[in-house]
Amino acid sequence: MFENIKLEQDGEISILTVNRPDKRNAVNNVTVEEIDKALSQIEANGKTRVMILTGAGEKAFVAGADINELARRDMLLGRSDTRRRQEIYTRIEMLEIPSIAAINGFALGTGLELAMACTMRVASATAKLGQPEVKLGIIPGAGGTQRLPRLVGMGRAMEMILTGNPVTAEQALAMGLVNQVVAPENLMDAVRKLAAAIIANPKMAVQYAKEAVLRSSEVSFASGLAHESYLHALSCGTEDKKEGIAAFLEKRSPNFTGK
């Protein structure tokens, strides 16, 4: 069904893999559209609790944009291509379910932008992350100038974007760009363990919590508090809230149903 990606289902986990290892998983326009279709399938299947996003092979998560397409971009294509990528990456960010980027190598340019759209990021110790666009005479166009400072702060984001120099996985961990760094051979196990910890919690509580946290970067503190309160109230009306409280009081494991 797909030319440049793979979509697999493992229980309540959907695994979306950018599958162009001969191109270091460089993203072209076909790949972007296939990611969009895969997201629709994930949303429609009704059973996915966490999406894992990774790249094929051992060298790269996504090493950047397809250089041949980039070379052909003029001002019109530059605008239309980047707006489409912004739309799809924001769709990843706004999914009701959490997403985890398993960064198995280079995450550069649009690759880092794709990873930053995910809810969390786990990196292989050999990964390199960066926004090198200025070295090509352009700037990030798929959200890098907006998401990077939100994650690491203005100063560090300016350094990465204006120099174009990548950071190591350990540097990314220190600045809050990734959540964990693990040995390459342990990457998928670590990501699955993180996914399992999320899945163990009630579906609606996870969804509402994710929504509240995302809202915090978009609205005033007062508006964020109000929205948090409404979402908290909604969670109080779920069956899983009743079960969670009962299980705590009865000193037993809860049996959440997602209702």
C-alpha atoms as a PDB file:
ATOM      1  CA  MET A   1       0.000   0.000   0.000  1.00  0.00           C
ATOM      2  CA  PHE A   2       2.879   2.369   0.776  1.00  0.00           C
ATOM      3  CA  GLU A   3       6.025   3.139  -1.200  1.00  0.00           C
ATOM      4  CA  ASN A   4       8.133   5.020   1.345  1.00  0.00           C
ATOM      5  CA  ILE A   5       6.773   4.026   4.751  1.00  0.00           C
ATOM      6  CA  LYS A   6       5.700   0.930   6.653  1.00  0.00           C
ATOM      7  CA  LEU A   7       2.757   0.763   9.045  1.00  0.00           C
ATOM      8  CA  GLU A   8       2.550  -2.144  11.473  1.00  0.00           C
ATOM      9  CA  GLN A   9       0.174  -2.919  14.317  1.00  0.00           C
ATOM     10  CA  ASP A  10       1.445  -4.593  17.481  1.00  0.00           C
ATOM     11  CA  GLY A  11      -1.466  -4.874  19.887  1.00  0.00           C
ATOM     12  CA  GLU A  12      -2.315  -1.353  20.988  1.00  0.00           C
ATOM     13  CA  ILE A  13       0.833   0.123  19.417  1.00  0.00           C
ATOM     14  CA  SER A  14       1.059   1.390  15.827  1.00  0.00           C
ATOM     15  CA  ILE A  15       4.602   1.528  14.428  1.00  0.00           C
ATOM     16  CA  LEU A  16       5.127   3.957  11.551  1.00  0.00           C
ATOM     17  CA  THR A  17       8.533   3.567   9.877  1.00  0.00           C
ATOM     18  CA  VAL A  18       9.971   5.922   7.272  1.00  0.00           C
ATOM     19  CA  ASN A  19      11.322   3.307   4.879  1.00  0.00           C
ATOM     20  CA  ARG A  20      13.918   4.800   2.537  1.00  0.00           C
ATOM     21  CA  PRO A  21      17.141   3.423   4.065  1.00  0.00           C
ATOM     22  CA  ASP A  22      19.077   3.847   0.814  1.00  0.00           C
ATOM     23  CA  LYS A  23      18.314   7.593   1.072  1.00  0.00           C
ATOM     24  CA  ARG A  24      18.876   7.690   4.835  1.00  0.00           C
ATOM     25  CA  ASN A  25      15.090   7.986   5.064  1.00  0.00           C
ATOM     26  CA  ALA A  26      15.081  11.446   3.498  1.00  0.00           C
ATOM     27  CA  VAL A  27      11.539  12.769   3.319  1.00  0.00           C
ATOM     28  CA  ASN A  28      10.061  13.689  -0.041  1.00  0.00           C
ATOM     29  CA  ASN A  29       6.548  14.817  -0.885  1.00  0.00           C
ATOM     30  CA  VAL A  30       5.352  11.253  -1.496  1.00  0.00           C
ATOM     31  CA  THR A  31       6.525  10.293   1.982  1.00  0.00           C
ATOM     32  CA  VAL A  32       4.647  13.208   3.525  1.00  0.00           C
ATOM     33  CA  GLU A  33       1.392  12.176   1.843  1.00  0.00           C
ATOM     34  CA  GLU A  34       1.879   8.560   2.886  1.00  0.00           C
ATOM     35  CA  ILE A  35       2.400   9.634   6.500  1.00  0.00           C
ATOM     36  CA  ASP A  36      -0.884  11.525   6.283  1.00  0.00           C
ATOM     37  CA  LYS A  37      -2.690   8.421   5.003  1.00  0.00           C
ATOM     38  CA  ALA A  38      -1.101   6.286   7.721  1.00  0.00           C
ATOM     39  CA  LEU A  39      -2.315   8.703  10.396  1.00  0.00           C
ATOM     40  CA  SER A  40      -5.847   8.347   9.038  1.00  0.00           C
ATOM     41  CA  GLN A  41      -5.569   4.570   9.280  1.00  0.00           C
ATOM     42  CA  ILE A  42      -4.266   4.787  12.838  1.00  0.00           C
ATOM     43  CA  GLU A  43      -7.100   7.093  13.870  1.00  0.00           C
ATOM     44  CA  ALA A  44      -9.674   4.854  12.195  1.00  0.00           C
ATOM     45  CA  ASN A  45      -8.572   1.532  13.658  1.00  0.00           C
ATOM     46  CA  GLY A  46      -9.954   2.376  17.098  1.00  0.00           C
ATOM     47  CA  LYS A  47      -7.431   0.330  19.063  1.00  0.00           C
ATOM     48  CA  THR A  48      -4.143   2.228  18.916  1.00  0.00           C
ATOM     49  CA  ARG A  49      -3.101   3.750  22.247  1.00  0.00           C
ATOM     50  CA  VAL A  50       0.427   4.860  21.285  1.00  0.00           C
ATOM     51  CA  MET A  51       2.150   5.489  17.952  1.00  0.00           C
ATOM     52  CA  ILE A  52       5.867   4.840  17.542  1.00  0.00           C
ATOM     53  CA  LEU A  53       7.601   6.726  14.718  1.00  0.00           C
ATOM     54  CA  THR A  54      11.032   5.600  13.547  1.00  0.00           C
ATOM     55  CA  GLY A  55      13.276   5.177  10.508  1.00  0.00           C
ATOM     56  CA  ALA A  56      14.397   2.051   8.678  1.00  0.00           C
ATOM     57  CA  GLY A  57      17.954   0.815   9.134  1.00  0.00           C
ATOM     58  CA  GLU A  58      20.567   1.776  11.694  1.00  0.00           C
ATOM     59  CA  LYS A  59      21.990   5.012  10.271  1.00  0.00           C
ATOM     60  CA  ALA A  60      19.099   7.437  10.227  1.00  0.00           C
ATOM     61  CA  PHE A  61      15.752   8.305  11.725  1.00  0.00           C
ATOM     62  CA  VAL A  62      15.277  10.879   8.963  1.00  0.00           C
ATOM     63  CA  ALA A  63      18.443  12.556   7.689  1.00  0.00           C
ATOM     64  CA  GLY A  64      16.590  15.487   6.155  1.00  0.00           C
ATOM     65  CA  ALA A  65      14.552  16.448   3.123  1.00  0.00           C
ATOM     66  CA  ASP A  66      15.063  14.794  -0.247  1.00  0.00           C
ATOM     67  CA  ILE A  67      17.871  16.862  -1.755  1.00  0.00           C
ATOM     68  CA  ASN A  68      16.570  16.497  -5.328  1.00  0.00           C
ATOM     69  CA  GLU A  69      13.199  17.965  -4.415  1.00  0.00           C
ATOM     70  CA  LEU A  70      14.889  20.650  -2.347  1.00  0.00           C
ATOM     71  CA  ALA A  71      17.031  21.677  -5.310  1.00  0.00           C
ATOM     72  CA  ARG A  72      13.894  22.214  -7.418  1.00  0.00           C
ATOM     73  CA  ARG A  73      12.121  24.409  -4.876  1.00  0.00           C
ATOM     74  CA  ASP A  74      11.441  27.981  -5.898  1.00  0.00           C
ATOM     75  CA  MET A  75       9.511  30.472  -3.790  1.00  0.00           C
ATOM     76  CA  LEU A  76       6.126  28.988  -4.687  1.00  0.00           C
ATOM     77  CA  LEU A  77       7.159  25.390  -3.999  1.00  0.00           C
ATOM     78  CA  GLY A  78       9.012  26.485  -0.894  1.00  0.00           C
ATOM     79  CA  ARG A  79       5.800  27.891   0.498  1.00  0.00           C
ATOM     80  CA  SER A  80       3.482  25.048  -0.547  1.00  0.00           C
ATOM     81  CA  ASP A  81       5.850  22.226   0.438  1.00  0.00           C
ATOM     82  CA  THR A  82       6.598  23.620   3.882  1.00  0.00           C
ATOM     83  CA  ARG A  83       2.969  24.467   4.655  1.00  0.00           C
ATOM     84  CA  ARG A  84       1.952  20.912   3.785  1.00  0.00           C
ATOM     85  CA  ARG A  85       4.660  19.465   6.050  1.00  0.00           C
ATOM     86  CA  GLN A  86       3.666  21.819   8.844  1.00  0.00           C
ATOM     87  CA  GLU A  87       0.085  20.601   8.469  1.00  0.00           C
ATOM     88  CA  ILE A  88       0.997  16.898   8.666  1.00  0.00           C
ATOM     89  CA  TYR A  89       3.519  17.314  11.486  1.00  0.00           C
ATOM     90  CA  THR A  90       0.985  19.316  13.479  1.00  0.00           C
ATOM     91  CA  ARG A  91      -1.495  16.518  12.876  1.00  0.00           C
ATOM     92  CA  ILE A  92       0.970  14.162  14.583  1.00  0.00           C
ATOM     93  CA  GLU A  93       1.351  16.580  17.484  1.00  0.00           C
ATOM     94  CA  MET A  94      -2.416  16.933  17.917  1.00  0.00           C
ATOM     95  CA  LEU A  95      -3.341  13.240  17.721  1.00  0.00           C
ATOM     96  CA  GLU A  96      -5.523  12.133  20.619  1.00  0.00           C
ATOM     97  CA  ILE A  97      -2.992   9.383  21.278  1.00  0.00           C
ATOM     98  CA  PRO A  98       0.620  10.027  22.358  1.00  0.00           C
ATOM     99  CA  SER A  99       3.430   9.438  19.892  1.00  0.00           C
ATOM    100  CA  ILE A 100       7.039   8.481  20.575  1.00  0.00           C
ATOM    101  CA  ALA A 101       9.905   9.127  18.155  1.00  0.00           C
ATOM    102  CA  ALA A 102      12.482   6.329  18.252  1.00  0.00           C
ATOM    103  CA  ILE A 103      15.505   8.231  16.952  1.00  0.00           C
ATOM    104  CA  ASN A 104      17.824   5.545  15.632  1.00  0.00           C
ATOM    105  CA  GLY A 105      20.447   7.740  13.955  1.00  0.00           C
ATOM    106  CA  PHE A 106      20.533  11.087  12.169  1.00  0.00           C
ATOM    107  CA  ALA A 107      17.519  13.339  12.828  1.00  0.00           C
ATOM    108  CA  LEU A 108      18.357  16.402  10.774  1.00  0.00           C
ATOM    109  CA  GLY A 109      16.305  19.172   9.241  1.00  0.00           C
ATOM    110  CA  THR A 110      12.811  17.930   8.548  1.00  0.00           C
ATOM    111  CA  GLY A 111      13.780  14.755  10.416  1.00  0.00           C
ATOM    112  CA  LEU A 112      14.243  16.650  13.665  1.00  0.00           C
ATOM    113  CA  GLU A 113      11.085  18.614  12.933  1.00  0.00           C
ATOM    114  CA  LEU A 114       9.208  15.326  12.523  1.00  0.00           C
ATOM    115  CA  ALA A 115      10.626  14.004  15.810  1.00  0.00           C
ATOM    116  CA  MET A 116       9.733  17.220  17.633  1.00  0.00           C
ATOM    117  CA  ALA A 117       6.108  16.855  16.517  1.00  0.00           C
ATOM    118  CA  CYS A 118       5.939  13.636  18.536  1.00  0.00           C
ATOM    119  CA  THR A 119       4.864  13.691  22.168  1.00  0.00           C
ATOM    120  CA  MET A 120       8.189  12.235  23.375  1.00  0.00           C
ATOM    121  CA  ARG A 121      11.551  11.303  21.941  1.00  0.00           C
ATOM    122  CA  VAL A 122      13.927   8.438  22.784  1.00  0.00           C
ATOM    123  CA  ALA A 123      17.343   8.525  21.099  1.00  0.00           C
ATOM    124  CA  SER A 124      20.004   5.981  20.356  1.00  0.00           C
ATOM    125  CA  ALA A 125      23.344   6.918  21.904  1.00  0.00           C
ATOM    126  CA  THR A 126      24.722   7.250  18.366  1.00  0.00           C
ATOM    127  CA  ALA A 127      22.041   9.687  17.198  1.00  0.00           C
ATOM    128  CA  LYS A 128      22.802  13.185  15.958  1.00  0.00           C
ATOM    129  CA  LEU A 129      20.104  15.860  15.977  1.00  0.00           C
ATOM    130  CA  GLY A 130      20.171  19.206  14.232  1.00  0.00           C
ATOM    131  CA  GLN A 131      18.680  21.912  12.025  1.00  0.00           C
ATOM    132  CA  PRO A 132      21.395  22.387   9.373  1.00  0.00           C
ATOM    133  CA  GLU A 133      19.264  24.318   6.887  1.00  0.00           C
ATOM    134  CA  VAL A 134      21.285  27.558   7.096  1.00  0.00           C
ATOM    135  CA  LYS A 135      24.263  25.692   5.658  1.00  0.00           C
ATOM    136  CA  LEU A 136      22.198  25.314   2.478  1.00  0.00           C
ATOM    137  CA  GLY A 137      21.123  28.951   2.404  1.00  0.00           C
ATOM    138  CA  ILE A 138      17.613  28.322   3.722  1.00  0.00           C
ATOM    139  CA  ILE A 139      15.888  28.103   7.101  1.00  0.00           C
ATOM    140  CA  PRO A 140      13.815  25.367   8.746  1.00  0.00           C
ATOM    141  CA  GLY A 141      10.360  25.165   7.214  1.00  0.00           C
ATOM    142  CA  ALA A 142       8.441  22.340   8.896  1.00  0.00           C
ATOM    143  CA  GLY A 143       8.186  23.785  12.391  1.00  0.00           C
ATOM    144  CA  GLY A 144      11.800  23.893  13.546  1.00  0.00           C
ATOM    145  CA  THR A 145      11.873  27.589  14.406  1.00  0.00           C
ATOM    146  CA  GLN A 146       8.713  27.176  16.489  1.00  0.00           C
ATOM    147  CA  ARG A 147       9.008  23.810  18.242  1.00  0.00           C
ATOM    148  CA  LEU A 148      12.732  23.838  19.004  1.00  0.00           C
ATOM    149  CA  PRO A 149      12.689  26.953  21.251  1.00  0.00           C
ATOM    150  CA  ARG A 150       9.621  25.605  23.030  1.00  0.00           C
ATOM    151  CA  LEU A 151      11.549  22.444  23.860  1.00  0.00           C
ATOM    152  CA  VAL A 152      15.051  23.704  24.623  1.00  0.00           C
ATOM    153  CA  GLY A 153      14.728  27.464  25.169  1.00  0.00           C
ATOM    154  CA  MET A 154      15.522  30.435  22.957  1.00  0.00           C
ATOM    155  CA  GLY A 155      19.295  30.491  23.405  1.00  0.00           C
ATOM    156  CA  ARG A 156      19.950  26.850  22.609  1.00  0.00           C
ATOM    157  CA  ALA A 157      17.492  26.911  19.715  1.00  0.00           C
ATOM    158  CA  MET A 158      19.203  29.982  18.253  1.00  0.00           C
ATOM    159  CA  GLU A 159      22.585  28.282  18.492  1.00  0.00           C
ATOM    160  CA  MET A 160      21.406  25.108  16.763  1.00  0.00           C
ATOM    161  CA  ILE A 161      19.497  26.939  14.028  1.00  0.00           C
ATOM    162  CA  LEU A 162      21.974  29.769  13.318  1.00  0.00           C
ATOM    163  CA  THR A 163      25.108  27.591  13.306  1.00  0.00           C
ATOM    164  CA  GLY A 164      23.432  24.579  11.726  1.00  0.00           C
ATOM    165  CA  ASN A 165      25.602  22.353  13.894  1.00  0.00           C
ATOM    166  CA  PRO A 166      24.082  19.123  15.221  1.00  0.00           C
ATOM    167  CA  VAL A 167      24.129  17.952  18.822  1.00  0.00           C
ATOM    168  CA  THR A 168      24.842  14.496  20.182  1.00  0.00           C
ATOM    169  CA  ALA A 169      22.202  12.383  21.861  1.00  0.00           C
ATOM    170  CA  GLU A 170      23.669  13.167  25.286  1.00  0.00           C
ATOM    171  CA  GLN A 171      23.650  16.901  24.564  1.00  0.00           C
ATOM    172  CA  ALA A 172      20.055  16.602  23.389  1.00  0.00           C
ATOM    173  CA  LEU A 173      19.167  14.860  26.642  1.00  0.00           C
ATOM    174  CA  ALA A 174      20.828  17.557  28.731  1.00  0.00           C
ATOM    175  CA  MET A 175      18.869  20.320  26.989  1.00  0.00           C
ATOM    176  CA  GLY A 176      15.538  18.484  27.149  1.00  0.00           C
ATOM    177  CA  LEU A 177      15.274  17.769  23.441  1.00  0.00           C
ATOM    178  CA  VAL A 178      14.968  14.015  24.072  1.00  0.00           C
ATOM    179  CA  ASN A 179      13.528  12.137  27.035  1.00  0.00           C
ATOM    180  CA  GLN A 180      15.943   9.207  27.124  1.00  0.00           C
ATOM    181  CA  VAL A 181      19.198   8.033  25.560  1.00  0.00           C
ATOM    182  CA  VAL A 182      19.806   4.294  25.272  1.00  0.00           C
ATOM    183  CA  ALA A 183      22.202   1.910  23.572  1.00  0.00           C
ATOM    184  CA  PRO A 184      21.305   1.375  19.894  1.00  0.00           C
ATOM    185  CA  GLU A 185      20.406  -2.272  20.454  1.00  0.00           C
ATOM    186  CA  ASN A 186      18.012  -1.299  23.270  1.00  0.00           C
ATOM    187  CA  LEU A 187      16.181   1.514  21.472  1.00  0.00           C
ATOM    188  CA  MET A 188      12.961  -0.221  20.473  1.00  0.00           C
ATOM    189  CA  ASP A 189      12.735  -2.098  23.768  1.00  0.00           C
ATOM    190  CA  ALA A 190      13.015   1.201  25.648  1.00  0.00           C
ATOM    191  CA  VAL A 191      10.376   2.836  23.447  1.00  0.00           C
ATOM    192  CA  ARG A 192       8.011  -0.098  23.859  1.00  0.00           C
ATOM    193  CA  LYS A 193       8.514   0.029  27.634  1.00  0.00           C
ATOM    194  CA  LEU A 194       7.612   3.729  27.618  1.00  0.00           C
ATOM    195  CA  ALA A 195       4.573   3.007  25.458  1.00  0.00           C
ATOM    196  CA  ALA A 196       3.479   0.227  27.826  1.00  0.00           C
ATOM    197  CA  ALA A 197       3.690   2.597  30.800  1.00  0.00           C
ATOM    198  CA  ILE A 198       1.324   4.967  28.996  1.00  0.00           C
ATOM    199  CA  ILE A 199      -1.040   2.207  27.885  1.00  0.00           C
ATOM    200  CA  ALA A 200      -1.340   0.984  31.478  1.00  0.00           C
ATOM    201  CA  ASN A 201      -3.145   4.227  32.333  1.00  0.00           C
ATOM    202  CA  PRO A 202      -6.781   5.044  31.492  1.00  0.00           C
ATOM    203  CA  LYS A 203      -7.306   6.046  27.867  1.00  0.00           C
ATOM    204  CA  MET A 204      -9.337   9.189  28.514  1.00  0.00           C
ATOM    205  CA  ALA A 205      -7.076  10.445  31.303  1.00  0.00           C
ATOM    206  CA  VAL A 206      -4.069  10.167  28.970  1.00  0.00           C
ATOM    207  CA  GLN A 207      -5.946  11.941  26.181  1.00  0.00           C
ATOM    208  CA  TYR A 208      -7.128  14.804  28.403  1.00  0.00           C
ATOM    209  CA  ALA A 209      -3.708  15.224  30.039  1.00  0.00           C
ATOM    210  CA  LYS A 210      -1.983  15.404  26.652  1.00  0.00           C
ATOM    211  CA  GLU A 211      -4.483  17.999  25.438  1.00  0.00           C
ATOM    212  CA  ALA A 212      -4.019  20.137  28.555  1.00  0.00           C
ATOM    213  CA  VAL A 213      -0.234  20.121  28.288  1.00  0.00           C
ATOM    214  CA  LEU A 214      -0.312  21.007  24.578  1.00  0.00           C
ATOM    215  CA  ARG A 215      -2.663  23.903  25.303  1.00  0.00           C
ATOM    216  CA  SER A 216      -0.149  25.360  27.783  1.00  0.00           C
ATOM    217  CA  SER A 217       2.117  26.602  24.986  1.00  0.00           C
ATOM    218  CA  GLU A 218      -0.690  28.257  23.046  1.00  0.00           C
ATOM    219  CA  VAL A 219      -2.736  30.284  25.550  1.00  0.00           C
ATOM    220  CA  SER A 220      -2.302  32.498  28.578  1.00  0.00           C
ATOM    221  CA  PHE A 221      -1.669  30.924  31.969  1.00  0.00           C
ATOM    222  CA  ALA A 222      -5.186  31.819  33.119  1.00  0.00           C
ATOM    223  CA  SER A 223      -6.778  30.299  30.014  1.00  0.00           C
ATOM    224  CA  GLY A 224      -4.641  27.198  30.388  1.00  0.00           C
ATOM    225  CA  LEU A 225      -5.755  26.764  33.983  1.00  0.00           C
ATOM    226  CA  ALA A 226      -9.411  27.106  32.967  1.00  0.00           C
ATOM    227  CA  HIS A 227      -9.018  24.535  30.193  1.00  0.00           C
ATOM    228  CA  GLU A 228      -7.217  22.179  32.569  1.00  0.00           C
ATOM    229  CA  SER A 229     -10.112  22.479  35.021  1.00  0.00           C
ATOM    230  CA  TYR A 230     -12.689  21.586  32.354  1.00  0.00           C
ATOM    231  CA  LEU A 231     -10.676  18.563  31.243  1.00  0.00           C
ATOM    232  CA  HIS A 232     -10.217  17.474  34.849  1.00  0.00           C
ATOM    233  CA  ALA A 233     -13.990  17.698  35.286  1.00  0.00           C
ATOM    234  CA  LEU A 234     -14.548  15.555  32.199  1.00  0.00           C
ATOM    235  CA  SER A 235     -12.142  12.928  33.531  1.00  0.00           C
ATOM    236  CA  CYS A 236     -14.130  12.849  36.789  1.00  0.00           C
ATOM    237  CA  GLY A 237     -17.133  11.611  34.824  1.00  0.00           C
ATOM    238  CA  THR A 238     -15.461   8.506  33.418  1.00  0.00           C
ATOM    239  CA  GLU A 239     -15.921   4.915  34.530  1.00  0.00           C
ATOM    240  CA  ASP A 240     -12.151   4.570  34.710  1.00  0.00           C
ATOM    241  CA  LYS A 241     -11.987   7.324  37.330  1.00  0.00           C
ATOM    242  CA  LYS A 242     -14.400   5.347  39.518  1.00  0.00           C
ATOM    243  CA  GLU A 243     -12.392   2.167  38.955  1.00  0.00           C
ATOM    244  CA  GLY A 244      -9.075   3.909  39.679  1.00  0.00           C
ATOM    245  CA  ILE A 245     -10.305   5.281  42.996  1.00  0.00           C
ATOM    246  CA  ALA A 246     -11.916   1.969  43.981  1.00  0.00           C
ATOM    247  CA  ALA A 247      -8.775  -0.004  43.142  1.00  0.00           C
ATOM    248  CA  PHE A 248      -6.636   2.390  45.174  1.00  0.00           C
ATOM    249  CA  LEU A 249      -8.894   2.124  48.212  1.00  0.00           C
ATOM    250  CA  GLU A 250      -9.172  -1.656  47.887  1.00  0.00           C
ATOM    251  CA  LYS A 251      -5.420  -2.038  47.387  1.00  0.00           C
ATOM    252  CA  ARG A 252      -5.742  -3.946  44.118  1.00  0.00           C
ATOM    253  CA  SER A 253      -4.734  -3.461  40.495  1.00  0.00           C
ATOM    254  CA  PRO A 254      -7.272  -1.455  38.483  1.00  0.00           C
ATOM    255  CA  ASN A 255      -9.167  -2.861  35.516  1.00  0.00           C
ATOM    256  CA  PHE A 256      -9.502   0.091  33.163  1.00  0.00           C
ATOM    257  CA  THR A 257     -11.895  -0.182  30.221  1.00  0.00           C
ATOM    258  CA  GLY A 258     -11.313   3.095  28.398  1.00  0.00           C
ATOM    259  CA  LYS A 259     -14.741   4.438  29.311  1.00  0.00           C
END
